């Protein structure tokens, strides 16, 4: 946790340590963390490993490691020595070196700042070109999805994914649905058209992505292009796409662009009072997850638990 001096993060760490959800490495100034823990009456922070990025005996080791990884991109050793004092860079170097298995950040940093070190150092899984962000949406009303549980993607990373990238996002989100949410994924590839009701290149991209996803994983339960109501409401789905195994039954919604996905999850979270857990980052070679800067303590606890499960291969 590279934002350990931030209040919500430190309060979340205390809960995580109390409930033994994960082993934690807190990155930040040791005195500041200890003083804040005392001020906020946090009783379990002493159970964590605390590492000050600016003052520890492995700084030069990680500077050399970063230099070797990035020298082909023009990085100088003097720059590397400065960069390893950034908790976001130190976090991914700890993962790369095997000292940690996952990272949760973003309560106090923009998504781009969290992802940049991960892209540079951890990189993507073999065969994956698109990193994406999924939200586990828990609805107070149980009408839609899997008893009120839905997965939305991509809501965090790709502004305008290609058909290939959209297909990879669908496959990765199916894995998140199975491994993290514990549901059998039924994937709707969303658009403003259902089965050719409108003709536009943006629809063509979704249709192509659906076909590519089926080719990449023939066992995938997927259909598209579908409008959101056709994906979620059975009567509408069967009217607009008769015989579809997904229409009206979808529990995974793959959005055609980041603007659509990000707007949708925030509207559902606020207007429907849904719990939005994530984003769970998909496609990276290690579990690195980015928080919304508007996150709550509970959001951080939930995402750390998910990250621990990812690290354990659950």
C-alpha atoms as a PDB file:
ATOM      1  CA  UNK A   1       0.000   0.000   0.000  1.00  0.00           C
ATOM      2  CA  UNK A   2       2.039   2.993  -1.266  1.00  0.00           C
ATOM      3  CA  UNK A   3      -0.291   5.651   0.190  1.00  0.00           C
ATOM      4  CA  UNK A   4       0.105   4.676   3.832  1.00  0.00           C
ATOM      5  CA  UNK A   5       0.143   8.219   5.209  1.00  0.00           C
ATOM      6  CA  UNK A   6      -3.285   8.943   3.669  1.00  0.00           C
ATOM      7  CA  UNK A   7      -6.058   8.685   6.276  1.00  0.00           C
ATOM      8  CA  UNK A   8      -8.486   6.356   4.494  1.00  0.00           C
ATOM      9  CA  UNK A   9      -5.649   4.055   3.449  1.00  0.00           C
ATOM     10  CA  UNK A  10      -4.246   3.835   6.957  1.00  0.00           C
ATOM     11  CA  UNK A  11      -7.682   3.233   8.482  1.00  0.00           C
ATOM     12  CA  UNK A  12      -8.280   0.508   5.889  1.00  0.00           C
ATOM     13  CA  UNK A  13      -4.891  -1.040   6.686  1.00  0.00           C
ATOM     14  CA  UNK A  14      -5.851  -1.224  10.352  1.00  0.00           C
ATOM     15  CA  UNK A  15      -9.043  -3.137   9.495  1.00  0.00           C
ATOM     16  CA  UNK A  16      -7.195  -5.452   7.099  1.00  0.00           C
ATOM     17  CA  UNK A  17      -4.585  -6.260   9.731  1.00  0.00           C
ATOM     18  CA  UNK A  18      -7.202  -6.720  12.446  1.00  0.00           C
ATOM     19  CA  UNK A  19      -9.185  -9.149  10.295  1.00  0.00           C
ATOM     20  CA  UNK A  20      -6.039 -10.836   8.910  1.00  0.00           C
ATOM     21  CA  UNK A  21      -7.166 -10.313   5.306  1.00  0.00           C
ATOM     22  CA  UNK A  22      -3.644  -9.802   3.959  1.00  0.00           C
ATOM     23  CA  UNK A  23      -0.053  -9.178   4.959  1.00  0.00           C
ATOM     24  CA  UNK A  24       0.741  -5.533   4.311  1.00  0.00           C
ATOM     25  CA  UNK A  25       3.770  -3.470   3.353  1.00  0.00           C
ATOM     26  CA  UNK A  26       3.017   0.177   4.100  1.00  0.00           C
ATOM     27  CA  UNK A  27       5.116   2.638   2.119  1.00  0.00           C
ATOM     28  CA  UNK A  28       5.680   6.043   3.678  1.00  0.00           C
ATOM     29  CA  UNK A  29       7.510   7.963   6.353  1.00  0.00           C
ATOM     30  CA  UNK A  30       7.675   5.720   9.433  1.00  0.00           C
ATOM     31  CA  UNK A  31       7.287   8.551  11.953  1.00  0.00           C
ATOM     32  CA  UNK A  32       4.311  10.023  10.098  1.00  0.00           C
ATOM     33  CA  UNK A  33       2.586   6.649   9.839  1.00  0.00           C
ATOM     34  CA  UNK A  34       3.143   5.947  13.542  1.00  0.00           C
ATOM     35  CA  UNK A  35       1.968   9.422  14.564  1.00  0.00           C
ATOM     36  CA  UNK A  36      -1.168   9.168  12.416  1.00  0.00           C
ATOM     37  CA  UNK A  37      -1.943   5.690  13.727  1.00  0.00           C
ATOM     38  CA  UNK A  38      -1.676   6.992  17.274  1.00  0.00           C
ATOM     39  CA  UNK A  39      -3.731  10.112  16.503  1.00  0.00           C
ATOM     40  CA  UNK A  40      -6.533   8.047  14.928  1.00  0.00           C
ATOM     41  CA  UNK A  41      -6.289   5.331  17.608  1.00  0.00           C
ATOM     42  CA  UNK A  42      -5.427   2.560  15.159  1.00  0.00           C
ATOM     43  CA  UNK A  43      -4.391  -0.488  17.134  1.00  0.00           C
ATOM     44  CA  UNK A  44      -3.025  -2.899  14.525  1.00  0.00           C
ATOM     45  CA  UNK A  45      -0.649  -0.928  12.284  1.00  0.00           C
ATOM     46  CA  UNK A  46       2.356  -2.374  14.148  1.00  0.00           C
ATOM     47  CA  UNK A  47       1.586  -5.735  12.476  1.00  0.00           C
ATOM     48  CA  UNK A  48       2.508  -4.321   9.049  1.00  0.00           C
ATOM     49  CA  UNK A  49       5.946  -3.989   7.522  1.00  0.00           C
ATOM     50  CA  UNK A  50       6.665  -0.265   7.142  1.00  0.00           C
ATOM     51  CA  UNK A  51       9.139   0.864   4.509  1.00  0.00           C
ATOM     52  CA  UNK A  52      10.155   4.484   4.011  1.00  0.00           C
ATOM     53  CA  UNK A  53      10.930   4.964   0.272  1.00  0.00           C
ATOM     54  CA  UNK A  54      13.382   7.757   1.095  1.00  0.00           C
ATOM     55  CA  UNK A  55      15.224   5.999   3.902  1.00  0.00           C
ATOM     56  CA  UNK A  56      15.927   2.290   3.710  1.00  0.00           C
ATOM     57  CA  UNK A  57      18.987   0.137   3.127  1.00  0.00           C
ATOM     58  CA  UNK A  58      17.897  -1.210  -0.298  1.00  0.00           C
ATOM     59  CA  UNK A  59      17.477   2.100  -2.099  1.00  0.00           C
ATOM     60  CA  UNK A  60      20.561   1.634  -4.277  1.00  0.00           C
ATOM     61  CA  UNK A  61      19.566  -1.965  -5.057  1.00  0.00           C
ATOM     62  CA  UNK A  62      16.203  -0.844  -6.406  1.00  0.00           C
ATOM     63  CA  UNK A  63      17.733   2.147  -8.203  1.00  0.00           C
ATOM     64  CA  UNK A  64      20.092  -0.205 -10.041  1.00  0.00           C
ATOM     65  CA  UNK A  65      17.225  -2.575 -10.763  1.00  0.00           C
ATOM     66  CA  UNK A  66      15.105   0.220 -12.238  1.00  0.00           C
ATOM     67  CA  UNK A  67      18.056   1.515 -14.242  1.00  0.00           C
ATOM     68  CA  UNK A  68      18.678  -1.918 -15.802  1.00  0.00           C
ATOM     69  CA  UNK A  69      14.981  -2.303 -16.646  1.00  0.00           C
ATOM     70  CA  UNK A  70      14.628   1.135 -18.233  1.00  0.00           C
ATOM     71  CA  UNK A  71      18.084   2.109 -19.538  1.00  0.00           C
ATOM     72  CA  UNK A  72      17.084   1.074 -23.073  1.00  0.00           C
ATOM     73  CA  UNK A  73      14.398   3.764 -22.829  1.00  0.00           C
ATOM     74  CA  UNK A  74      16.983   6.379 -21.960  1.00  0.00           C
ATOM     75  CA  UNK A  75      16.728   6.316 -18.166  1.00  0.00           C
ATOM     76  CA  UNK A  76      19.882   7.452 -16.365  1.00  0.00           C
ATOM     77  CA  UNK A  77      20.998   6.069 -13.001  1.00  0.00           C
ATOM     78  CA  UNK A  78      20.665   9.546 -11.465  1.00  0.00           C
ATOM     79  CA  UNK A  79      17.000   9.597 -12.512  1.00  0.00           C
ATOM     80  CA  UNK A  80      16.463   6.067 -11.194  1.00  0.00           C
ATOM     81  CA  UNK A  81      17.791   7.074  -7.759  1.00  0.00           C
ATOM     82  CA  UNK A  82      15.161   9.806  -7.600  1.00  0.00           C
ATOM     83  CA  UNK A  83      12.329   7.671  -8.978  1.00  0.00           C
ATOM     84  CA  UNK A  84      12.746   4.890  -6.397  1.00  0.00           C
ATOM     85  CA  UNK A  85      11.830   7.410  -3.701  1.00  0.00           C
ATOM     86  CA  UNK A  86       8.358   7.567  -5.301  1.00  0.00           C
ATOM     87  CA  UNK A  87       6.187   5.021  -3.437  1.00  0.00           C
ATOM     88  CA  UNK A  88       4.350   4.107  -6.649  1.00  0.00           C
ATOM     89  CA  UNK A  89       7.610   3.093  -8.337  1.00  0.00           C
ATOM     90  CA  UNK A  90       8.968   1.367  -5.258  1.00  0.00           C
ATOM     91  CA  UNK A  91       5.752  -0.647  -4.958  1.00  0.00           C
ATOM     92  CA  UNK A  92       6.059  -2.196  -8.426  1.00  0.00           C
ATOM     93  CA  UNK A  93       9.784  -2.791  -7.953  1.00  0.00           C
ATOM     94  CA  UNK A  94       8.991  -4.721  -4.766  1.00  0.00           C
ATOM     95  CA  UNK A  95       6.551  -6.826  -6.778  1.00  0.00           C
ATOM     96  CA  UNK A  96       9.005  -7.313  -9.640  1.00  0.00           C
ATOM     97  CA  UNK A  97      11.661  -8.467  -7.170  1.00  0.00           C
ATOM     98  CA  UNK A  98       9.299 -10.909  -5.414  1.00  0.00           C
ATOM     99  CA  UNK A  99       9.127  -8.969  -2.136  1.00  0.00           C
ATOM    100  CA  UNK A 100       5.401  -8.289  -2.594  1.00  0.00           C
ATOM    101  CA  UNK A 101       2.621  -9.898  -4.590  1.00  0.00           C
ATOM    102  CA  UNK A 102       0.203  -7.052  -5.273  1.00  0.00           C
ATOM    103  CA  UNK A 103      -0.494  -3.346  -4.922  1.00  0.00           C
ATOM    104  CA  UNK A 104      -3.521  -1.180  -4.142  1.00  0.00           C
ATOM    105  CA  UNK A 105      -3.229   2.577  -4.733  1.00  0.00           C
ATOM    106  CA  UNK A 106      -5.173   5.508  -6.132  1.00  0.00           C
ATOM    107  CA  UNK A 107      -6.858   7.012  -3.068  1.00  0.00           C
ATOM    108  CA  UNK A 108      -4.451   9.913  -3.349  1.00  0.00           C
ATOM    109  CA  UNK A 109      -3.104   9.510  -6.907  1.00  0.00           C
ATOM    110  CA  UNK A 110      -4.557   9.723 -10.407  1.00  0.00           C
ATOM    111  CA  UNK A 111      -5.057   6.497 -12.360  1.00  0.00           C
ATOM    112  CA  UNK A 112      -2.331   7.442 -14.841  1.00  0.00           C
ATOM    113  CA  UNK A 113       0.198   7.882 -12.051  1.00  0.00           C
ATOM    114  CA  UNK A 114      -0.676   4.465 -10.588  1.00  0.00           C
ATOM    115  CA  UNK A 115      -0.600   2.651 -13.919  1.00  0.00           C
ATOM    116  CA  UNK A 116       2.499   4.224 -15.451  1.00  0.00           C
ATOM    117  CA  UNK A 117       5.028   2.369 -13.236  1.00  0.00           C
ATOM    118  CA  UNK A 118       3.033  -0.843 -13.641  1.00  0.00           C
ATOM    119  CA  UNK A 119       3.087  -0.614 -17.444  1.00  0.00           C
ATOM    120  CA  UNK A 120       6.801   0.189 -17.442  1.00  0.00           C
ATOM    121  CA  UNK A 121       7.955  -2.471 -14.982  1.00  0.00           C
ATOM    122  CA  UNK A 122       5.336  -5.205 -14.498  1.00  0.00           C
ATOM    123  CA  UNK A 123       3.899  -5.115 -18.041  1.00  0.00           C
ATOM    124  CA  UNK A 124       1.021  -7.273 -19.306  1.00  0.00           C
ATOM    125  CA  UNK A 125       0.298 -10.987 -19.199  1.00  0.00           C
ATOM    126  CA  UNK A 126       1.588 -13.023 -22.168  1.00  0.00           C
ATOM    127  CA  UNK A 127      -0.778 -12.687 -25.125  1.00  0.00           C
ATOM    128  CA  UNK A 128      -2.603  -9.698 -23.646  1.00  0.00           C
ATOM    129  CA  UNK A 129      -2.281  -6.222 -25.129  1.00  0.00           C
ATOM    130  CA  UNK A 130      -5.134  -4.465 -23.319  1.00  0.00           C
ATOM    131  CA  UNK A 131      -5.142  -3.727 -19.609  1.00  0.00           C
ATOM    132  CA  UNK A 132      -8.649  -2.912 -18.421  1.00  0.00           C
ATOM    133  CA  UNK A 133     -10.535  -2.050 -15.265  1.00  0.00           C
ATOM    134  CA  UNK A 134     -13.635  -3.943 -14.091  1.00  0.00           C
ATOM    135  CA  UNK A 135     -16.048  -2.934 -11.370  1.00  0.00           C
ATOM    136  CA  UNK A 136     -18.000  -5.469  -9.345  1.00  0.00           C
ATOM    137  CA  UNK A 137     -21.400  -3.824  -8.964  1.00  0.00           C
ATOM    138  CA  UNK A 138     -23.588  -5.044  -6.115  1.00  0.00           C
ATOM    139  CA  UNK A 139     -27.137  -3.819  -6.553  1.00  0.00           C
ATOM    140  CA  UNK A 140     -29.509  -3.367  -3.605  1.00  0.00           C
ATOM    141  CA  UNK A 141     -32.273  -4.672  -5.858  1.00  0.00           C
ATOM    142  CA  UNK A 142     -31.712  -8.268  -6.963  1.00  0.00           C
ATOM    143  CA  UNK A 143     -33.605  -8.055 -10.273  1.00  0.00           C
ATOM    144  CA  UNK A 144     -30.681  -7.835 -12.696  1.00  0.00           C
ATOM    145  CA  UNK A 145     -27.508  -9.784 -13.293  1.00  0.00           C
ATOM    146  CA  UNK A 146     -26.661 -12.663 -10.988  1.00  0.00           C
ATOM    147  CA  UNK A 147     -28.972 -11.958  -8.050  1.00  0.00           C
ATOM    148  CA  UNK A 148     -28.046  -8.282  -8.235  1.00  0.00           C
ATOM    149  CA  UNK A 149     -24.356  -8.859  -9.011  1.00  0.00           C
ATOM    150  CA  UNK A 150     -22.966  -7.384 -12.241  1.00  0.00           C
ATOM    151  CA  UNK A 151     -19.481  -6.840 -13.643  1.00  0.00           C
ATOM    152  CA  UNK A 152     -18.820  -3.663 -15.681  1.00  0.00           C
ATOM    153  CA  UNK A 153     -15.749  -3.206 -17.929  1.00  0.00           C
ATOM    154  CA  UNK A 154     -13.775  -1.310 -19.096  1.00  0.00           C
ATOM    155  CA  UNK A 155     -14.416   1.574 -16.701  1.00  0.00           C
ATOM    156  CA  UNK A 156     -10.878   2.740 -15.975  1.00  0.00           C
ATOM    157  CA  UNK A 157      -8.180   2.387 -18.632  1.00  0.00           C
ATOM    158  CA  UNK A 158      -8.879   2.299 -22.412  1.00  0.00           C
ATOM    159  CA  UNK A 159     -10.481   5.430 -23.884  1.00  0.00           C
ATOM    160  CA  UNK A 160     -11.327   3.882 -27.255  1.00  0.00           C
ATOM    161  CA  UNK A 161     -10.440   0.178 -27.470  1.00  0.00           C
ATOM    162  CA  UNK A 162     -10.081  -1.499 -30.852  1.00  0.00           C
ATOM    163  CA  UNK A 163     -12.137  -4.580 -31.709  1.00  0.00           C
ATOM    164  CA  UNK A 164      -9.185  -6.790 -30.704  1.00  0.00           C
ATOM    165  CA  UNK A 165      -8.755  -4.963 -27.417  1.00  0.00           C
ATOM    166  CA  UNK A 166     -12.485  -5.121 -26.732  1.00  0.00           C
ATOM    167  CA  UNK A 167     -12.411  -8.889 -27.301  1.00  0.00           C
ATOM    168  CA  UNK A 168      -9.495  -9.225 -24.855  1.00  0.00           C
ATOM    169  CA  UNK A 169     -11.393  -7.108 -22.316  1.00  0.00           C
ATOM    170  CA  UNK A 170     -14.391  -9.431 -22.616  1.00  0.00           C
ATOM    171  CA  UNK A 171     -12.232 -12.524 -22.026  1.00  0.00           C
ATOM    172  CA  UNK A 172     -10.395 -10.937 -19.095  1.00  0.00           C
ATOM    173  CA  UNK A 173     -13.659  -9.804 -17.525  1.00  0.00           C
ATOM    174  CA  UNK A 174     -15.074 -13.303 -17.813  1.00  0.00           C
ATOM    175  CA  UNK A 175     -12.084 -14.506 -15.762  1.00  0.00           C
ATOM    176  CA  UNK A 176     -12.717 -11.798 -13.167  1.00  0.00           C
ATOM    177  CA  UNK A 177     -16.371 -12.833 -12.980  1.00  0.00           C
ATOM    178  CA  UNK A 178     -15.403 -16.463 -12.356  1.00  0.00           C
ATOM    179  CA  UNK A 179     -12.331 -16.049 -10.171  1.00  0.00           C
ATOM    180  CA  UNK A 180     -13.236 -12.990  -8.105  1.00  0.00           C
ATOM    181  CA  UNK A 181     -17.022 -12.637  -8.175  1.00  0.00           C
ATOM    182  CA  UNK A 182     -17.671 -16.392  -8.288  1.00  0.00           C
ATOM    183  CA  UNK A 183     -20.328 -16.247 -11.009  1.00  0.00           C
ATOM    184  CA  UNK A 184     -20.777 -17.964 -14.360  1.00  0.00           C
ATOM    185  CA  UNK A 185     -20.139 -15.109 -16.824  1.00  0.00           C
ATOM    186  CA  UNK A 186     -22.792 -14.241 -19.377  1.00  0.00           C
ATOM    187  CA  UNK A 187     -21.288 -11.397 -21.396  1.00  0.00           C
ATOM    188  CA  UNK A 188     -23.172  -8.682 -23.237  1.00  0.00           C
ATOM    189  CA  UNK A 189     -21.157  -6.557 -25.659  1.00  0.00           C
ATOM    190  CA  UNK A 190     -22.979  -3.254 -25.367  1.00  0.00           C
ATOM    191  CA  UNK A 191     -23.753  -0.641 -27.975  1.00  0.00           C
ATOM    192  CA  UNK A 192     -26.553   1.757 -28.932  1.00  0.00           C
ATOM    193  CA  UNK A 193     -27.829  -0.892 -31.340  1.00  0.00           C
ATOM    194  CA  UNK A 194     -29.191  -4.422 -30.964  1.00  0.00           C
ATOM    195  CA  UNK A 195     -28.490  -6.870 -33.776  1.00  0.00           C
ATOM    196  CA  UNK A 196     -28.233  -4.293 -36.511  1.00  0.00           C
ATOM    197  CA  UNK A 197     -31.011  -1.932 -35.413  1.00  0.00           C
ATOM    198  CA  UNK A 198     -28.590   0.900 -36.292  1.00  0.00           C
ATOM    199  CA  UNK A 199     -25.718   1.011 -38.751  1.00  0.00           C
ATOM    200  CA  UNK A 200     -22.537   2.771 -37.675  1.00  0.00           C
ATOM    201  CA  UNK A 201     -18.791   2.004 -37.545  1.00  0.00           C
ATOM    202  CA  UNK A 202     -18.978   2.003 -33.728  1.00  0.00           C
ATOM    203  CA  UNK A 203     -21.491  -0.849 -33.906  1.00  0.00           C
ATOM    204  CA  UNK A 204     -19.313  -2.651 -36.423  1.00  0.00           C
ATOM    205  CA  UNK A 205     -16.454  -2.555 -33.884  1.00  0.00           C
ATOM    206  CA  UNK A 206     -18.606  -4.224 -31.221  1.00  0.00           C
ATOM    207  CA  UNK A 207     -19.829  -6.883 -33.670  1.00  0.00           C
ATOM    208  CA  UNK A 208     -16.244  -7.618 -34.726  1.00  0.00           C
ATOM    209  CA  UNK A 209     -15.095  -7.744 -31.105  1.00  0.00           C
ATOM    210  CA  UNK A 210     -17.823 -10.272 -30.278  1.00  0.00           C
ATOM    211  CA  UNK A 211     -16.731 -12.510 -33.140  1.00  0.00           C
ATOM    212  CA  UNK A 212     -13.065 -12.218 -32.152  1.00  0.00           C
ATOM    213  CA  UNK A 213     -13.832 -13.094 -28.527  1.00  0.00           C
ATOM    214  CA  UNK A 214     -15.739 -16.189 -29.641  1.00  0.00           C
ATOM    215  CA  UNK A 215     -12.807 -17.229 -31.824  1.00  0.00           C
ATOM    216  CA  UNK A 216     -10.302 -16.689 -29.005  1.00  0.00           C
ATOM    217  CA  UNK A 217     -12.441 -18.586 -26.491  1.00  0.00           C
ATOM    218  CA  UNK A 218     -15.122 -20.782 -28.092  1.00  0.00           C
ATOM    219  CA  UNK A 219     -16.501 -21.688 -24.630  1.00  0.00           C
ATOM    220  CA  UNK A 220     -17.296 -18.059 -23.844  1.00  0.00           C
ATOM    221  CA  UNK A 221     -20.971 -17.231 -23.241  1.00  0.00           C
ATOM    222  CA  UNK A 222     -21.183 -13.950 -25.118  1.00  0.00           C
ATOM    223  CA  UNK A 223     -23.467 -12.014 -27.445  1.00  0.00           C
ATOM    224  CA  UNK A 224     -23.474  -8.626 -29.116  1.00  0.00           C
ATOM    225  CA  UNK A 225     -24.131  -6.064 -30.147  1.00  0.00           C
ATOM    226  CA  UNK A 226     -26.825  -5.462 -27.514  1.00  0.00           C
ATOM    227  CA  UNK A 227     -28.372  -2.365 -26.003  1.00  0.00           C
ATOM    228  CA  UNK A 228     -28.300  -2.208 -22.213  1.00  0.00           C
ATOM    229  CA  UNK A 229     -32.029  -2.901 -21.780  1.00  0.00           C
ATOM    230  CA  UNK A 230     -31.827  -5.850 -24.171  1.00  0.00           C
ATOM    231  CA  UNK A 231     -28.900  -7.214 -22.173  1.00  0.00           C
ATOM    232  CA  UNK A 232     -30.600  -6.922 -18.776  1.00  0.00           C
ATOM    233  CA  UNK A 233     -34.376  -7.191 -19.194  1.00  0.00           C
ATOM    234  CA  UNK A 234     -35.504 -10.605 -20.391  1.00  0.00           C
ATOM    235  CA  UNK A 235     -38.742  -9.486 -22.049  1.00  0.00           C
ATOM    236  CA  UNK A 236     -36.931  -6.760 -23.985  1.00  0.00           C
ATOM    237  CA  UNK A 237     -33.960  -8.977 -24.756  1.00  0.00           C
ATOM    238  CA  UNK A 238     -36.040 -11.758 -26.250  1.00  0.00           C
ATOM    239  CA  UNK A 239     -38.064  -9.250 -28.267  1.00  0.00           C
ATOM    240  CA  UNK A 240     -35.015  -7.482 -29.703  1.00  0.00           C
ATOM    241  CA  UNK A 241     -32.785 -10.564 -29.989  1.00  0.00           C
ATOM    242  CA  UNK A 242     -35.000 -13.664 -29.994  1.00  0.00           C
ATOM    243  CA  UNK A 243     -33.253 -16.887 -29.069  1.00  0.00           C
ATOM    244  CA  UNK A 244     -30.167 -15.184 -27.678  1.00  0.00           C
ATOM    245  CA  UNK A 245     -28.716 -17.075 -24.682  1.00  0.00           C
ATOM    246  CA  UNK A 246     -27.429 -13.791 -23.248  1.00  0.00           C
ATOM    247  CA  UNK A 247     -30.090 -11.158 -23.975  1.00  0.00           C
ATOM    248  CA  UNK A 248     -32.015 -10.433 -20.781  1.00  0.00           C
ATOM    249  CA  UNK A 249     -29.672 -12.648 -18.740  1.00  0.00           C
ATOM    250  CA  UNK A 250     -26.325 -10.818 -18.869  1.00  0.00           C
ATOM    251  CA  UNK A 251     -24.257 -10.441 -15.719  1.00  0.00           C
ATOM    252  CA  UNK A 252     -21.134  -9.026 -17.422  1.00  0.00           C
ATOM    253  CA  UNK A 253     -21.471  -5.775 -19.359  1.00  0.00           C
ATOM    254  CA  UNK A 254     -18.609  -4.817 -21.683  1.00  0.00           C
ATOM    255  CA  UNK A 255     -18.846  -1.191 -22.750  1.00  0.00           C
ATOM    256  CA  UNK A 256     -17.656   0.009 -26.165  1.00  0.00           C
ATOM    257  CA  UNK A 257     -15.594   2.898 -24.771  1.00  0.00           C
ATOM    258  CA  UNK A 258     -14.169   4.188 -21.522  1.00  0.00           C
ATOM    259  CA  UNK A 259     -16.517   7.167 -21.447  1.00  0.00           C
ATOM    260  CA  UNK A 260     -19.545   4.867 -21.601  1.00  0.00           C
ATOM    261  CA  UNK A 261     -18.227   2.480 -18.956  1.00  0.00           C
ATOM    262  CA  UNK A 262     -17.016   5.141 -16.545  1.00  0.00           C
ATOM    263  CA  UNK A 263     -20.206   7.186 -16.788  1.00  0.00           C
ATOM    264  CA  UNK A 264     -22.380   4.073 -16.419  1.00  0.00           C
ATOM    265  CA  UNK A 265     -20.736   2.722 -13.264  1.00  0.00           C
ATOM    266  CA  UNK A 266     -20.788   6.125 -11.546  1.00  0.00           C
ATOM    267  CA  UNK A 267     -24.455   6.693 -12.408  1.00  0.00           C
ATOM    268  CA  UNK A 268     -25.445   3.226 -11.192  1.00  0.00           C
ATOM    269  CA  UNK A 269     -23.372   3.663  -8.031  1.00  0.00           C
ATOM    270  CA  UNK A 270     -24.954   7.012  -7.159  1.00  0.00           C
ATOM    271  CA  UNK A 271     -28.510   6.762  -8.508  1.00  0.00           C
ATOM    272  CA  UNK A 272     -29.169   3.095  -7.731  1.00  0.00           C
ATOM    273  CA  UNK A 273     -27.154   3.149  -4.480  1.00  0.00           C
ATOM    274  CA  UNK A 274     -25.071   0.234  -5.763  1.00  0.00           C
ATOM    275  CA  UNK A 275     -21.801  -0.815  -4.168  1.00  0.00           C
ATOM    276  CA  UNK A 276     -18.993  -0.446  -6.730  1.00  0.00           C
ATOM    277  CA  UNK A 277     -15.914  -2.525  -5.878  1.00  0.00           C
ATOM    278  CA  UNK A 278     -12.877  -1.755  -7.982  1.00  0.00           C
ATOM    279  CA  UNK A 279     -11.604  -1.109 -10.443  1.00  0.00           C
ATOM    280  CA  UNK A 280     -10.075  -4.556 -10.561  1.00  0.00           C
ATOM    281  CA  UNK A 281      -7.278  -4.194 -13.106  1.00  0.00           C
ATOM    282  CA  UNK A 282      -7.161  -7.001 -15.653  1.00  0.00           C
ATOM    283  CA  UNK A 283      -4.344  -8.055 -17.947  1.00  0.00           C
ATOM    284  CA  UNK A 284      -1.294  -7.021 -15.921  1.00  0.00           C
ATOM    285  CA  UNK A 285       1.317  -9.647 -15.065  1.00  0.00           C
ATOM    286  CA  UNK A 286       0.711  -9.039 -11.335  1.00  0.00           C
ATOM    287  CA  UNK A 287      -2.347  -7.871  -9.365  1.00  0.00           C
ATOM    288  CA  UNK A 288      -2.114  -4.080  -9.247  1.00  0.00           C
ATOM    289  CA  UNK A 289      -5.386  -2.305  -8.547  1.00  0.00           C
ATOM    290  CA  UNK A 290      -6.340   1.337  -8.775  1.00  0.00           C
ATOM    291  CA  UNK A 291      -8.781   3.056  -6.440  1.00  0.00           C
ATOM    292  CA  UNK A 292     -11.025   5.979  -7.203  1.00  0.00           C
ATOM    293  CA  UNK A 293      -9.854   9.108  -5.404  1.00  0.00           C
ATOM    294  CA  UNK A 294     -13.396   9.348  -4.016  1.00  0.00           C
ATOM    295  CA  UNK A 295     -13.105   5.890  -2.435  1.00  0.00           C
ATOM    296  CA  UNK A 296     -14.199   5.043   1.086  1.00  0.00           C
ATOM    297  CA  UNK A 297     -12.308   3.065   3.716  1.00  0.00           C
ATOM    298  CA  UNK A 298     -14.578   0.112   2.926  1.00  0.00           C
ATOM    299  CA  UNK A 299     -13.713   0.388  -0.784  1.00  0.00           C
ATOM    300  CA  UNK A 300     -10.013   0.088   0.048  1.00  0.00           C
ATOM    301  CA  UNK A 301     -10.557  -2.909   2.331  1.00  0.00           C
ATOM    302  CA  UNK A 302     -12.604  -4.658  -0.369  1.00  0.00           C
ATOM    303  CA  UNK A 303     -10.035  -4.003  -3.085  1.00  0.00           C
ATOM    304  CA  UNK A 304      -7.163  -5.236  -0.924  1.00  0.00           C
ATOM    305  CA  UNK A 305      -9.123  -8.444  -0.280  1.00  0.00           C
ATOM    306  CA  UNK A 306      -9.686  -8.861  -4.022  1.00  0.00           C
ATOM    307  CA  UNK A 307      -5.998  -8.207  -4.728  1.00  0.00           C
ATOM    308  CA  UNK A 308      -5.003 -10.845  -2.166  1.00  0.00           C
ATOM    309  CA  UNK A 309      -7.316 -13.331  -3.885  1.00  0.00           C
ATOM    310  CA  UNK A 310      -5.800 -12.481  -7.257  1.00  0.00           C
ATOM    311  CA  UNK A 311      -2.328 -13.038  -5.834  1.00  0.00           C
ATOM    312  CA  UNK A 312      -3.410 -16.402  -4.437  1.00  0.00           C
ATOM    313  CA  UNK A 313      -4.865 -17.425  -7.796  1.00  0.00           C
ATOM    314  CA  UNK A 314      -8.394 -17.762  -6.416  1.00  0.00           C
END
